[in-house]
Protein backbone atom coordinates (compact mmCIF):
# COMPACT_ATOMS: atom_id res chain seq x y z
CA MET A 1 118.56 93.81 139.93
CA ASN A 2 121.33 92.99 142.37
CA MET A 3 123.59 95.99 142.91
CA LYS A 4 127.08 95.02 143.94
CA LEU A 5 128.55 97.76 146.09
CA SER A 6 132.12 98.01 147.34
CA LYS A 7 132.97 100.09 150.39
CA VAL A 8 135.87 102.50 150.12
CA ARG A 9 137.19 104.22 153.27
CA LEU A 10 138.12 107.86 152.83
CA VAL A 11 141.49 108.74 154.33
CA GLU A 12 141.16 112.52 154.32
CA GLY A 13 139.16 114.14 157.11
CA ASN A 14 136.82 112.12 159.24
CA SER A 15 136.47 108.43 158.57
CA LYS A 16 133.45 107.95 156.33
CA TYR A 17 132.17 105.32 153.98
CA SER A 18 131.38 105.95 150.30
CA TYR A 19 130.13 103.47 147.79
CA LYS A 20 131.50 102.74 144.36
CA LEU A 21 129.16 101.17 141.81
CA SER A 22 130.30 97.97 140.18
CA ASN A 23 130.89 97.77 136.42
CA THR A 24 127.71 95.71 135.94
CA THR A 25 125.61 98.33 137.71
CA ARG A 26 127.19 101.09 135.66
CA ARG A 27 126.31 99.27 132.45
CA TYR A 28 122.70 98.88 133.57
CA ILE A 29 122.45 102.57 134.44
CA THR A 30 124.02 103.57 131.13
CA PHE A 31 121.61 101.29 129.30
CA PHE A 32 118.56 102.82 130.98
CA LEU A 33 119.82 106.34 130.40
CA LEU A 34 120.31 105.65 126.69
CA VAL A 35 116.96 103.88 126.30
CA ALA A 36 114.97 106.32 128.44
CA PRO A 37 114.39 108.98 125.72
CA ALA A 38 113.03 106.44 123.24
CA LEU A 39 110.96 104.78 125.98
CA LEU A 40 109.49 108.11 127.10
CA LEU A 41 108.72 109.01 123.49
CA ARG A 42 106.93 105.68 122.94
CA ILE A 43 104.94 106.06 126.16
CA SER A 44 103.92 109.63 125.34
CA THR A 45 102.94 108.88 121.72
CA SER A 46 101.43 105.40 122.05
CA VAL A 47 100.65 104.21 125.58
CA TYR A 48 99.28 107.49 126.94
CA PRO A 49 96.94 108.22 123.96
CA VAL A 50 95.48 104.70 124.17
CA LEU A 51 94.88 104.96 127.91
CA GLN A 52 93.42 108.46 127.50
CA THR A 53 91.12 107.22 124.73
CA ILE A 54 89.85 104.39 126.94
CA TYR A 55 89.30 106.86 129.77
CA LEU A 56 87.39 109.37 127.62
CA SER A 57 85.18 106.63 126.15
CA PHE A 58 83.33 106.45 129.49
CA PHE A 59 82.60 110.18 129.52
CA GLU A 60 80.40 112.53 127.54
CA VAL A 61 82.99 115.11 126.52
CA ASN A 62 81.90 117.81 124.10
CA LEU A 63 83.86 121.03 123.70
CA VAL A 64 80.95 122.80 122.00
CA SER A 65 78.42 122.21 124.78
CA GLN A 66 81.14 122.32 127.46
CA THR A 67 80.07 118.97 128.94
CA ASN A 68 82.27 116.48 130.78
CA LEU A 69 80.07 113.87 132.45
CA TYR A 70 80.69 110.25 133.36
CA VAL A 71 78.19 108.13 131.38
CA GLY A 72 79.63 104.63 131.72
CA LEU A 73 78.84 102.49 128.68
CA GLN A 74 76.33 104.91 127.17
CA ASN A 75 78.71 105.94 124.39
CA PHE A 76 79.07 102.32 123.30
CA ILE A 77 75.32 101.74 123.51
CA ARG A 78 74.73 104.86 121.44
CA LEU A 79 77.15 103.59 118.79
CA ALA A 80 75.44 100.18 118.69
CA ARG A 81 72.08 101.87 118.03
CA ASP A 82 73.43 104.30 115.41
CA ILE A 83 72.34 103.16 111.94
CA SER A 84 75.02 105.28 110.27
CA ILE A 85 77.72 103.46 112.23
CA ARG A 86 76.40 100.16 110.91
CA ASP A 87 76.61 101.40 107.33
CA ILE A 88 80.09 102.79 107.95
CA THR A 89 81.22 99.51 109.49
CA SER A 90 79.81 97.56 106.52
CA PHE A 91 81.72 99.68 104.02
CA THR A 92 84.88 99.53 106.16
CA ILE A 93 84.74 95.72 106.10
CA MET A 94 84.09 95.67 102.34
CA PHE A 95 86.84 98.23 101.69
CA THR A 96 89.36 96.35 103.83
CA LEU A 97 88.68 92.81 102.62
CA LEU A 98 88.27 93.62 98.93
CA SER A 99 91.32 95.89 98.87
CA THR A 100 93.46 93.32 100.66
CA LEU A 101 92.34 90.51 98.33
CA LEU A 102 92.98 92.50 95.15
CA GLU A 103 96.33 93.78 96.42
CA LEU A 104 97.49 90.23 97.12
CA ILE A 105 96.31 88.92 93.74
CA PHE A 106 97.83 91.73 91.67
CA GLY A 107 100.88 91.87 93.93
CA MET A 108 101.60 88.18 93.38
CA ILE A 109 101.20 88.55 89.61
CA ILE A 110 103.58 91.53 89.52
CA ALA A 111 106.05 89.82 91.88
CA ASN A 112 106.25 86.74 89.66
CA PHE A 113 106.70 88.93 86.59
CA LEU A 114 109.49 90.94 88.24
CA ASN A 115 111.14 87.71 89.41
CA THR A 116 111.72 86.53 85.84
CA ASN A 117 114.77 87.44 83.77
CA PHE A 118 114.10 90.03 81.07
CA THR A 119 115.75 93.13 79.69
CA GLY A 120 115.01 96.21 81.79
CA ARG A 121 113.99 94.29 84.90
CA GLN A 122 115.67 96.76 87.26
CA LEU A 123 113.89 99.67 85.58
CA ALA A 124 110.56 97.82 85.84
CA ARG A 125 111.11 97.23 89.56
CA THR A 126 111.82 100.93 90.06
CA ILE A 127 108.77 102.05 88.07
CA ASN A 128 106.62 99.62 90.05
CA LEU A 129 107.34 101.55 93.27
CA ILE A 130 106.22 104.95 91.95
CA PRO A 131 102.53 104.69 93.03
CA TRP A 132 103.53 103.55 96.50
CA ALA A 133 106.10 106.36 96.83
CA ILE A 134 103.49 109.05 96.12
CA PRO A 135 102.00 110.44 99.37
CA THR A 136 98.46 109.13 99.82
CA ILE A 137 96.89 112.57 100.23
CA VAL A 138 98.54 113.72 96.97
CA ALA A 139 97.28 110.64 95.11
CA ALA A 140 93.80 111.15 96.58
CA LEU A 141 93.57 114.76 95.44
CA ALA A 142 94.92 113.84 91.99
CA PHE A 143 92.33 111.10 91.50
CA ARG A 144 89.61 113.40 92.79
CA TRP A 145 90.33 115.65 89.81
CA MET A 146 90.74 112.71 87.43
CA PHE A 147 87.30 111.33 88.39
CA ASP A 148 85.57 114.70 87.98
CA ASP A 149 82.56 114.29 85.69
CA GLN A 150 83.22 117.56 83.81
CA TYR A 151 86.95 117.69 83.12
CA GLY A 152 88.43 114.57 84.71
CA LEU A 153 90.99 112.61 82.69
CA ILE A 154 89.53 109.17 83.46
CA VAL A 155 86.00 110.37 82.71
CA ASP A 156 87.28 111.82 79.43
CA TRP A 157 88.75 108.43 78.47
CA ILE A 158 85.41 106.76 79.22
CA TYR A 159 83.64 109.40 77.14
CA ARG A 160 85.96 108.82 74.18
CA LEU A 161 85.45 105.05 74.34
CA PHE A 162 81.74 104.78 75.21
CA GLY A 163 80.28 108.25 74.63
CA ILE A 164 79.14 108.79 78.23
CA ARG A 165 80.40 110.95 81.10
CA PRO A 166 79.71 108.99 84.30
CA ALA A 167 79.64 110.88 87.60
CA LEU A 168 81.80 108.33 89.37
CA LEU A 169 82.09 110.19 92.69
CA VAL A 170 78.44 111.23 92.86
CA PHE A 171 76.71 107.86 93.21
CA PRO A 172 77.39 105.62 96.26
CA LEU A 173 78.32 102.39 94.46
CA THR A 174 80.64 103.94 91.87
CA SER A 175 82.30 106.14 94.48
CA GLN A 176 82.93 103.11 96.70
CA LEU A 177 84.43 101.13 93.81
CA SER A 178 86.54 104.13 92.79
CA VAL A 179 87.98 104.51 96.28
CA ILE A 180 88.76 100.79 96.50
CA LEU A 181 90.48 100.74 93.09
CA VAL A 182 92.61 103.77 93.92
CA ASN A 183 93.59 102.17 97.21
CA VAL A 184 94.58 98.98 95.38
CA TRP A 185 96.59 101.00 92.85
CA LYS A 186 98.40 102.76 95.70
CA ASN A 187 99.29 99.73 97.85
CA THR A 188 99.83 96.93 95.32
CA PRO A 189 103.46 97.96 94.51
CA PHE A 190 104.46 97.56 98.16
CA THR A 191 102.78 94.14 98.27
CA ALA A 192 104.57 93.12 95.08
CA ILE A 193 108.01 94.12 96.40
CA VAL A 194 107.52 92.22 99.67
CA LEU A 195 106.33 89.12 97.83
CA LEU A 196 109.24 89.48 95.38
CA ALA A 197 111.68 89.47 98.29
CA GLY A 198 110.11 86.22 99.47
CA LEU A 199 110.24 84.64 96.01
CA GLN A 200 113.93 85.43 95.67
CA ASN A 201 114.62 83.36 98.78
CA VAL A 202 113.13 80.24 97.21
CA PRO A 203 115.96 77.88 96.16
CA PRO A 204 115.99 77.45 92.35
CA GLU A 205 116.59 73.74 92.91
CA LEU A 206 112.95 73.34 93.95
CA TYR A 207 111.70 74.62 90.59
CA GLU A 208 114.30 72.57 88.71
CA ALA A 209 113.22 69.41 90.53
CA ALA A 210 109.59 70.21 89.76
CA ARG A 211 110.37 70.63 86.05
CA ILE A 212 112.26 67.32 86.03
CA ASP A 213 109.21 65.65 87.59
CA GLY A 214 107.06 67.04 84.77
CA ALA A 215 105.34 69.89 86.63
CA ASN A 216 104.25 72.88 84.53
CA SER A 217 104.46 76.53 85.60
CA LEU A 218 100.97 76.53 87.13
CA GLN A 219 101.68 73.40 89.16
CA ALA A 220 105.01 74.80 90.36
CA PHE A 221 103.23 77.97 91.43
CA ARG A 222 100.55 75.98 93.24
CA TRP A 223 102.86 73.55 95.08
CA ILE A 224 106.03 75.61 95.58
CA THR A 225 105.44 79.35 95.32
CA ILE A 226 102.22 79.53 97.33
CA PRO A 227 103.29 77.29 100.27
CA VAL A 228 106.63 79.06 100.60
CA SER A 229 104.94 82.48 100.46
CA VAL A 230 102.31 81.69 103.10
CA PRO A 231 104.14 83.37 106.03
CA ILE A 232 104.71 86.52 103.97
CA ILE A 233 101.11 86.49 102.73
CA ILE A 234 99.79 86.20 106.29
CA THR A 235 102.03 89.08 107.39
CA LEU A 236 100.85 91.24 104.48
CA ILE A 237 97.21 90.41 105.18
CA LEU A 238 97.70 91.39 108.82
CA PHE A 239 99.36 94.72 108.01
CA HIS A 240 97.00 95.61 105.17
CA ILE A 241 93.90 94.95 107.26
CA ILE A 242 95.23 97.05 110.15
CA TRP A 243 96.29 99.90 107.86
CA GLN A 244 93.03 99.95 105.93
CA LEU A 245 90.76 99.66 108.95
CA SER A 246 92.19 102.94 110.20
CA GLY A 247 92.34 104.51 106.74
CA PHE A 248 91.91 108.27 106.70
CA ASP A 249 93.98 110.26 104.20
CA LEU A 250 92.68 108.59 101.03
CA ILE A 251 89.05 109.17 102.02
CA TYR A 252 89.76 112.67 103.29
CA GLY A 253 91.41 113.78 100.05
CA MET A 254 89.29 111.92 97.51
CA THR A 255 85.66 111.93 98.66
CA SER A 256 85.52 113.40 102.21
CA GLY A 257 83.40 110.38 103.09
CA GLY A 258 80.72 111.18 100.51
CA PRO A 259 78.36 111.03 98.88
CA GLY A 260 76.62 111.10 102.24
CA ILE A 261 78.48 108.47 104.27
CA ALA A 262 78.92 106.04 101.36
CA THR A 263 82.75 106.06 101.50
CA THR A 264 83.22 106.86 105.18
CA LEU A 265 85.57 104.52 107.04
CA ILE A 266 85.69 104.02 110.81
CA GLY A 267 88.98 105.91 111.02
CA TYR A 268 87.55 108.86 109.12
CA ARG A 269 84.40 108.81 111.31
CA ILE A 270 86.59 109.07 114.40
CA PHE A 271 88.21 112.15 112.85
CA GLN A 272 84.80 113.67 112.13
CA LYS A 273 83.47 112.99 115.63
CA GLY A 274 86.54 114.22 117.44
CA MET A 275 88.09 116.95 115.31
CA LEU A 276 85.13 118.38 113.39
CA TRP A 277 82.24 117.96 115.80
CA TYR A 278 84.27 117.99 119.07
CA ASP A 279 82.39 114.96 120.41
CA TRP A 280 85.39 113.41 122.10
CA GLY A 281 83.41 110.89 124.14
CA THR A 282 81.79 109.17 121.15
CA ALA A 283 85.00 109.44 119.11
CA SER A 284 86.95 107.77 121.92
CA ALA A 285 84.38 104.99 122.23
CA LEU A 286 84.62 104.34 118.49
CA GLY A 287 88.41 104.42 118.81
CA VAL A 288 88.28 101.78 121.56
CA VAL A 289 86.16 99.56 119.31
CA LEU A 290 88.74 99.97 116.54
CA ILE A 291 91.58 99.15 118.96
CA LEU A 292 89.82 95.94 120.01
CA ILE A 293 89.23 94.92 116.38
CA VAL A 294 92.89 95.53 115.51
CA ALA A 295 94.03 93.60 118.61
CA ILE A 296 91.87 90.59 117.72
CA ILE A 297 93.12 90.60 114.13
CA GLY A 298 96.70 90.89 115.36
CA ILE A 299 96.32 87.89 117.68
CA ILE A 300 94.77 85.81 114.89
CA GLY A 301 97.52 86.87 112.49
CA LEU A 302 100.30 85.92 114.91
CA TYR A 303 98.67 82.54 115.53
CA LEU A 304 98.40 81.82 111.81
CA PHE A 305 101.95 83.00 111.20
CA LYS A 306 103.32 80.53 113.77
CA LYS A 307 101.10 77.74 112.50
CA TYR A 308 102.05 78.08 108.82
CA GLU A 309 105.67 79.13 109.24
CA VAL A 310 107.84 77.64 106.50
CA THR A 311 111.58 77.07 106.80
CA LEU A 312 113.73 76.33 103.78
């Protein structure tokens, strides 16, 4: 940055030179002073934790055994050989992909419904946001009680319809499906609202021209709604995958990762390793792996967004 300085001779006392900053320099200094607090906050809450995590991943740090030794890549090798990490990774992938797919499908259905004209549409849009507005930990604890095999509301409904009381959170498969369905219930309203915002930007003339050409509702959806919504869908996929890969509060409140490790996600495993078992080295190594996965997904998402960008 070129700093333009103007010399001003002082008349009083001995002859000296002082410097007066130009208006451009003053604006730059004011800008940096105003931005500095936010920049320092971002560095302290984002950049520093990431760098510290990468640093700790090369050390065996355990507060219980009071160890702090440089081990190189041993933490990563240990993770690659850990069978439980493989099972956790498999469920994380299933949880993320299945949840994202169902949220997009149901979100698109709800968005198209809310985009039509009917009495009480504003009320329906408001009601749609209620599940998303509920804090995740509150929803998780509520569903934990509702799925209880003794006095849970959902189990009671199943008993009244089929005469059985399934222990949904006791068996691995049913607990995994329960967690995924609750996650879909929680996040679908947000997906629907974002897709609805995209649908409202579609010019009505496109649908009118399609009807004149003889296209039915399904064909209009296939050739107009979907192509126009592709950038929004890609963005939602990107955000949902990143959010759900690092999911924690839903698992913590609903199943605590059980039964066994059946519903444990990578994000929750990092919490267990670091905060419950004080194995910071392994937790940091697992965190680095998660950071790399998120970075790769982000790069792919940005590439697809630019490739399929639609302008109306």
